[in-house]
C-alpha atoms as a PDB file:
ATOM      1  CA  MET A   1      96.904 117.901 104.278  1.00  0.00           C
ATOM      2  CA  PRO A   2      99.749 119.213 106.408  1.00  0.00           C
ATOM      3  CA  MET A   3     102.296 116.464 105.993  1.00  0.00           C
ATOM      4  CA  THR A   4     105.536 118.240 106.852  1.00  0.00           C
ATOM      5  CA  GLN A   5     104.895 118.667 110.574  1.00  0.00           C
ATOM      6  CA  GLY A   6     107.532 116.715 112.403  1.00  0.00           C
ATOM      7  CA  TYR A   7     109.263 115.647 109.208  1.00  0.00           C
ATOM      8  CA  GLU A   8     112.911 114.888 109.695  1.00  0.00           C
ATOM      9  CA  GLU A   9     115.002 114.169 106.646  1.00  0.00           C
ATOM     10  CA  LYS A  10     117.452 111.403 107.435  1.00  0.00           C
ATOM     11  CA  LYS A  11     119.870 110.191 104.828  1.00  0.00           C
ATOM     12  CA  TYR A  12     121.898 107.023 105.099  1.00  0.00           C
ATOM     13  CA  MET A  13     124.907 106.767 102.815  1.00  0.00           C
ATOM     14  CA  MET A  14     125.562 103.331 101.326  1.00  0.00           C
ATOM     15  CA  GLY A  15     128.255 103.942  98.750  1.00  0.00           C
ATOM     16  CA  ASP A  16     128.488 102.484  95.299  1.00  0.00           C
ATOM     17  CA  ALA A  17     127.653  99.025  94.048  1.00  0.00           C
ATOM     18  CA  PRO A  18     128.589  96.266  94.305  1.00  0.00           C
ATOM     19  CA  ASP A  19     130.069  96.787  97.793  1.00  0.00           C
ATOM     20  CA  TYR A  20     127.280  98.813  99.412  1.00  0.00           C
ATOM     21  CA  ASP A  21     128.291  99.874 102.922  1.00  0.00           C
ATOM     22  CA  ARG A  22     125.079  99.614 104.929  1.00  0.00           C
ATOM     23  CA  SER A  23     126.744 100.154 108.317  1.00  0.00           C
ATOM     24  CA  GLN A  24     125.335 103.674 108.727  1.00  0.00           C
ATOM     25  CA  TRP A  25     121.733 102.367 108.588  1.00  0.00           C
ATOM     26  CA  LEU A  26     122.510  99.098 110.364  1.00  0.00           C
ATOM     27  CA  ASN A  27     123.951 101.036 113.331  1.00  0.00           C
ATOM     28  CA  GLU A  28     120.634 102.955 113.635  1.00  0.00           C
ATOM     29  CA  LYS A  29     118.181 100.302 112.456  1.00  0.00           C
ATOM     30  CA  PHE A  30     116.920  99.141 115.857  1.00  0.00           C
ATOM     31  CA  LYS A  31     116.955 102.509 117.673  1.00  0.00           C
ATOM     32  CA  PRO A  32     113.527 103.790 116.480  1.00  0.00           C
ATOM     33  CA  GLY A  33     111.786 100.734 117.989  1.00  0.00           C
ATOM     34  CA  LEU A  34     110.191  99.541 114.752  1.00  0.00           C
ATOM     35  CA  ASP A  35     108.365  96.196 114.662  1.00  0.00           C
ATOM     36  CA  PHE A  36     109.934  95.425 111.295  1.00  0.00           C
ATOM     37  CA  PRO A  37     113.002  97.706 111.004  1.00  0.00           C
ATOM     38  CA  ASN A  38     113.178  98.925 107.433  1.00  0.00           C
ATOM     39  CA  LEU A  39     113.358 102.040 105.290  1.00  0.00           C
ATOM     40  CA  PRO A  40     111.274 104.055 104.825  1.00  0.00           C
ATOM     41  CA  TYR A  41     109.541 104.394 108.164  1.00  0.00           C
ATOM     42  CA  LEU A  42     107.032 106.824 109.640  1.00  0.00           C
ATOM     43  CA  THR A  43     106.571 107.744 113.286  1.00  0.00           C
ATOM     44  CA  ASP A  44     103.065 109.131 113.771  1.00  0.00           C
ATOM     45  CA  GLY A  45     102.384 109.645 117.449  1.00  0.00           C
ATOM     46  CA  ALA A  46     102.502 106.222 119.087  1.00  0.00           C
ATOM     47  CA  HIS A  47     102.477 104.485 115.690  1.00  0.00           C
ATOM     48  CA  LYS A  48     105.758 103.420 114.142  1.00  0.00           C
ATOM     49  CA  ILE A  49     105.125 102.229 110.618  1.00  0.00           C
ATOM     50  CA  THR A  50     107.357 100.546 108.055  1.00  0.00           C
ATOM     51  CA  GLN A  51     106.659  99.363 104.516  1.00  0.00           C
ATOM     52  CA  SER A  52     105.790 101.910 101.852  1.00  0.00           C
ATOM     53  CA  LYS A  53     102.273 100.577 101.287  1.00  0.00           C
ATOM     54  CA  ALA A  54     101.471 100.675 105.012  1.00  0.00           C
ATOM     55  CA  ILE A  55     102.815 104.232 105.275  1.00  0.00           C
ATOM     56  CA  LEU A  56     100.696 105.341 102.315  1.00  0.00           C
ATOM     57  CA  GLY A  57      97.675 103.604 103.851  1.00  0.00           C
ATOM     58  CA  CYS A  58      98.195 105.398 107.168  1.00  0.00           C
ATOM     59  CA  ILE A  59      98.377 108.769 105.427  1.00  0.00           C
ATOM     60  CA  ALA A  60      95.302 107.913 103.343  1.00  0.00           C
ATOM     61  CA  TYR A  61      93.241 106.899 106.409  1.00  0.00           C
ATOM     62  CA  LYS A  62      94.298 110.004 108.270  1.00  0.00           C
ATOM     63  CA  HIS A  63      93.314 112.344 105.439  1.00  0.00           C
ATOM     64  CA  ASN A  64      90.162 110.567 104.243  1.00  0.00           C
ATOM     65  CA  LEU A  65      91.692 109.424 100.965  1.00  0.00           C
ATOM     66  CA  CYS A  66      90.140 105.944 101.047  1.00  0.00           C
ATOM     67  CA  GLY A  67      87.090 104.404  99.486  1.00  0.00           C
ATOM     68  CA  GLU A  68      84.011 104.946 101.635  1.00  0.00           C
ATOM     69  CA  THR A  69      81.412 102.473 100.409  1.00  0.00           C
ATOM     70  CA  GLU A  70      81.895  98.719 100.252  1.00  0.00           C
ATOM     71  CA  ARG A  71      81.975  98.955  96.444  1.00  0.00           C
ATOM     72  CA  GLU A  72      84.629 101.689  96.524  1.00  0.00           C
ATOM     73  CA  LYS A  73      86.782  99.735  98.986  1.00  0.00           C
ATOM     74  CA  ILE A  74      86.626  96.621  96.821  1.00  0.00           C
ATOM     75  CA  TRP A  75      87.452  98.599  93.664  1.00  0.00           C
ATOM     76  CA  GLU A  76      90.259 100.332  95.515  1.00  0.00           C
ATOM     77  CA  ASP A  77      91.815  96.992  96.502  1.00  0.00           C
ATOM     78  CA  ILE A  78      91.462  95.566  92.999  1.00  0.00           C
ATOM     79  CA  LEU A  79      92.924  98.619  91.313  1.00  0.00           C
ATOM     80  CA  GLU A  80      95.735  99.082  93.819  1.00  0.00           C
ATOM     81  CA  ASN A  81      96.863  95.484  93.420  1.00  0.00           C
ATOM     82  CA  GLN A  82      96.640  95.678  89.621  1.00  0.00           C
ATOM     83  CA  LEU A  83      98.646  98.904  89.607  1.00  0.00           C
ATOM     84  CA  MET A  84     101.309  97.381  91.831  1.00  0.00           C
ATOM     85  CA  ASP A  85     101.529  94.364  89.496  1.00  0.00           C
ATOM     86  CA  ASN A  86     101.999  96.668  86.509  1.00  0.00           C
ATOM     87  CA  GLN A  87     104.536  98.769  88.386  1.00  0.00           C
ATOM     88  CA  MET A  88     106.551  95.620  89.136  1.00  0.00           C
ATOM     89  CA  GLN A  89     106.337  94.473  85.491  1.00  0.00           C
ATOM     90  CA  LEU A  90     107.935  97.723  84.364  1.00  0.00           C
ATOM     91  CA  ALA A  91     110.558  97.631  87.121  1.00  0.00           C
ATOM     92  CA  ARG A  92     111.515  94.023  86.311  1.00  0.00           C
ATOM     93  CA  LEU A  93     111.835  94.970  82.651  1.00  0.00           C
ATOM     94  CA  CYS A  94     113.991  98.021  83.346  1.00  0.00           C
ATOM     95  CA  TYR A  95     116.390  96.090  85.592  1.00  0.00           C
ATOM     96  CA  ASN A  96     116.536  93.009  83.388  1.00  0.00           C
ATOM     97  CA  PRO A  97     119.879  92.395  81.648  1.00  0.00           C
ATOM     98  CA  ASP A  98     117.841  91.476  78.539  1.00  0.00           C
ATOM     99  CA  PHE A  99     116.029  94.827  78.602  1.00  0.00           C
ATOM    100  CA  GLU A 100     116.458  95.623  74.903  1.00  0.00           C
ATOM    101  CA  LYS A 101     115.255  92.168  73.886  1.00  0.00           C
ATOM    102  CA  LEU A 102     112.202  92.255  76.215  1.00  0.00           C
ATOM    103  CA  LYS A 103     111.176  95.890  75.670  1.00  0.00           C
ATOM    104  CA  PRO A 104     109.174  95.276  72.427  1.00  0.00           C
ATOM    105  CA  GLU A 105     107.068  92.595  74.142  1.00  0.00           C
ATOM    106  CA  TYR A 106     106.245  94.994  77.002  1.00  0.00           C
ATOM    107  CA  LEU A 107     105.348  97.782  74.572  1.00  0.00           C
ATOM    108  CA  GLU A 108     103.136  95.415  72.601  1.00  0.00           C
ATOM    109  CA  ALA A 109     101.182  94.463  75.754  1.00  0.00           C
ATOM    110  CA  LEU A 110     100.992  98.033  77.107  1.00  0.00           C
ATOM    111  CA  PRO A 111      97.874  99.188  75.167  1.00  0.00           C
ATOM    112  CA  ALA A 112      95.833  96.236  76.468  1.00  0.00           C
ATOM    113  CA  MET A 113      96.877  97.058  80.034  1.00  0.00           C
ATOM    114  CA  LEU A 114      96.017 100.730  79.557  1.00  0.00           C
ATOM    115  CA  LYS A 115      92.636  99.795  78.080  1.00  0.00           C
ATOM    116  CA  PHE A 116      91.684  98.172  81.394  1.00  0.00           C
ATOM    117  CA  TYR A 117      92.497 101.410  83.228  1.00  0.00           C
ATOM    118  CA  LEU A 118      90.560 103.373  80.607  1.00  0.00           C
ATOM    119  CA  GLN A 119      87.489 101.184  81.207  1.00  0.00           C
ATOM    120  CA  PHE A 120      87.898 101.293  84.987  1.00  0.00           C
ATOM    121  CA  LEU A 121      88.124 105.098  85.024  1.00  0.00           C
ATOM    122  CA  GLY A 122      85.331 105.542  82.504  1.00  0.00           C
ATOM    123  CA  LYS A 123      84.019 109.116  82.538  1.00  0.00           C
ATOM    124  CA  GLN A 124      84.701 109.641  86.255  1.00  0.00           C
ATOM    125  CA  PRO A 125      87.206 112.308  87.282  1.00  0.00           C
ATOM    126  CA  TRP A 126      88.927 109.872  89.690  1.00  0.00           C
ATOM    127  CA  PHE A 127      89.193 106.103  89.769  1.00  0.00           C
ATOM    128  CA  LEU A 128      86.718 105.709  92.642  1.00  0.00           C
ATOM    129  CA  GLY A 129      84.356 108.436  91.467  1.00  0.00           C
ATOM    130  CA  ASP A 130      84.131 112.120  92.325  1.00  0.00           C
ATOM    131  CA  LYS A 131      86.596 112.137  95.234  1.00  0.00           C
ATOM    132  CA  ILE A 132      90.342 111.718  94.878  1.00  0.00           C
ATOM    133  CA  ALA A 133      91.737 108.721  96.752  1.00  0.00           C
ATOM    134  CA  LEU A 134      95.102 107.142  97.460  1.00  0.00           C
ATOM    135  CA  VAL A 135      94.638 104.819  94.507  1.00  0.00           C
ATOM    136  CA  ASP A 136      94.637 107.879  92.205  1.00  0.00           C
ATOM    137  CA  PHE A 137      98.132 108.767  93.448  1.00  0.00           C
ATOM    138  CA  ILE A 138      99.290 105.232  92.687  1.00  0.00           C
ATOM    139  CA  ALA A 139      97.565 105.276  89.283  1.00  0.00           C
ATOM    140  CA  TYR A 140      99.198 108.596  88.447  1.00  0.00           C
ATOM    141  CA  ASP A 141     102.604 107.192  89.374  1.00  0.00           C
ATOM    142  CA  VAL A 142     102.167 104.053  87.257  1.00  0.00           C
ATOM    143  CA  LEU A 143     100.713 105.906  84.259  1.00  0.00           C
ATOM    144  CA  GLU A 144     103.372 108.615  84.424  1.00  0.00           C
ATOM    145  CA  ARG A 145     106.187 106.044  84.614  1.00  0.00           C
ATOM    146  CA  ASN A 146     104.811 104.340  81.527  1.00  0.00           C
ATOM    147  CA  GLN A 147     104.517 107.691  79.787  1.00  0.00           C
ATOM    148  CA  VAL A 148     108.174 108.413  80.580  1.00  0.00           C
ATOM    149  CA  PHE A 149     109.052 104.946  79.282  1.00  0.00           C
ATOM    150  CA  GLU A 150     106.977 105.397  76.106  1.00  0.00           C
ATOM    151  CA  PRO A 151     105.900 109.055  75.675  1.00  0.00           C
ATOM    152  CA  LYS A 152     103.098 108.270  73.189  1.00  0.00           C
ATOM    153  CA  CYS A 153     101.566 105.373  75.149  1.00  0.00           C
ATOM    154  CA  LEU A 154      98.557 107.418  76.323  1.00  0.00           C
ATOM    155  CA  ASP A 155      97.808 109.034  72.959  1.00  0.00           C
ATOM    156  CA  ALA A 156      95.042 106.516  72.214  1.00  0.00           C
ATOM    157  CA  PHE A 157      93.551 106.950  75.701  1.00  0.00           C
ATOM    158  CA  PRO A 158      92.267 110.527  76.058  1.00  0.00           C
ATOM    159  CA  ASN A 159      90.532 109.970  79.386  1.00  0.00           C
ATOM    160  CA  LEU A 160      93.790 108.681  80.897  1.00  0.00           C
ATOM    161  CA  LYS A 161      95.600 111.736  79.526  1.00  0.00           C
ATOM    162  CA  ASP A 162      92.856 113.896  81.058  1.00  0.00           C
ATOM    163  CA  PHE A 163      93.311 112.051  84.360  1.00  0.00           C
ATOM    164  CA  ILE A 164      97.047 112.862  84.284  1.00  0.00           C
ATOM    165  CA  SER A 165      96.323 116.538  83.529  1.00  0.00           C
ATOM    166  CA  ARG A 166      93.636 116.737  86.222  1.00  0.00           C
ATOM    167  CA  PHE A 167      95.944 115.156  88.787  1.00  0.00           C
ATOM    168  CA  GLU A 168      98.807 117.506  87.906  1.00  0.00           C
ATOM    169  CA  ALA A 169      96.477 120.522  88.151  1.00  0.00           C
ATOM    170  CA  THR A 170      95.168 119.512  91.585  1.00  0.00           C
ATOM    171  CA  HIS A 171      96.591 121.493  94.482  1.00  0.00           C
ATOM    172  CA  PHE A 172      97.754 119.287  97.340  1.00  0.00           C
ATOM    173  CA  PRO A 173      98.599 121.580 100.276  1.00  0.00           C
ATOM    174  CA  LEU A 174     101.573 120.488 102.342  1.00  0.00           C
END
């Protein structure tokens, strides 16, 4: 998956909160000709893509990292949306001013959430079966974030721990 061809690292400085200075990006925002000017964006030939999910989808389509059968595509949509919901739950918690008060409730609900992923994965190597897909990258990200948040959260879920290890051992050529 050669992904670095044509990569150009652009950084826009915004300064510190609460007075973010967005002028550097705002002065450039409309120059790339994006339909919905936003960061990040990807220019891939004639395609100019914004929104992280759309960019990931484009990369997945291009490199055959999508579900192939109708069943796989449906599962992929279900799992991706569930993962994004769980990712947002953790983000909302972490940025909430009442973090310390709300953290125990999140940790109490975490095993039930992980159990769903355990059942969905089953004994398969990847969430859609034998072939890695974009949804596995998203699952890894969500599971790893929860493991950073609560290091022992996967201890009762050996197949999810195995999934993490398998993902980390997989070579993704760039």
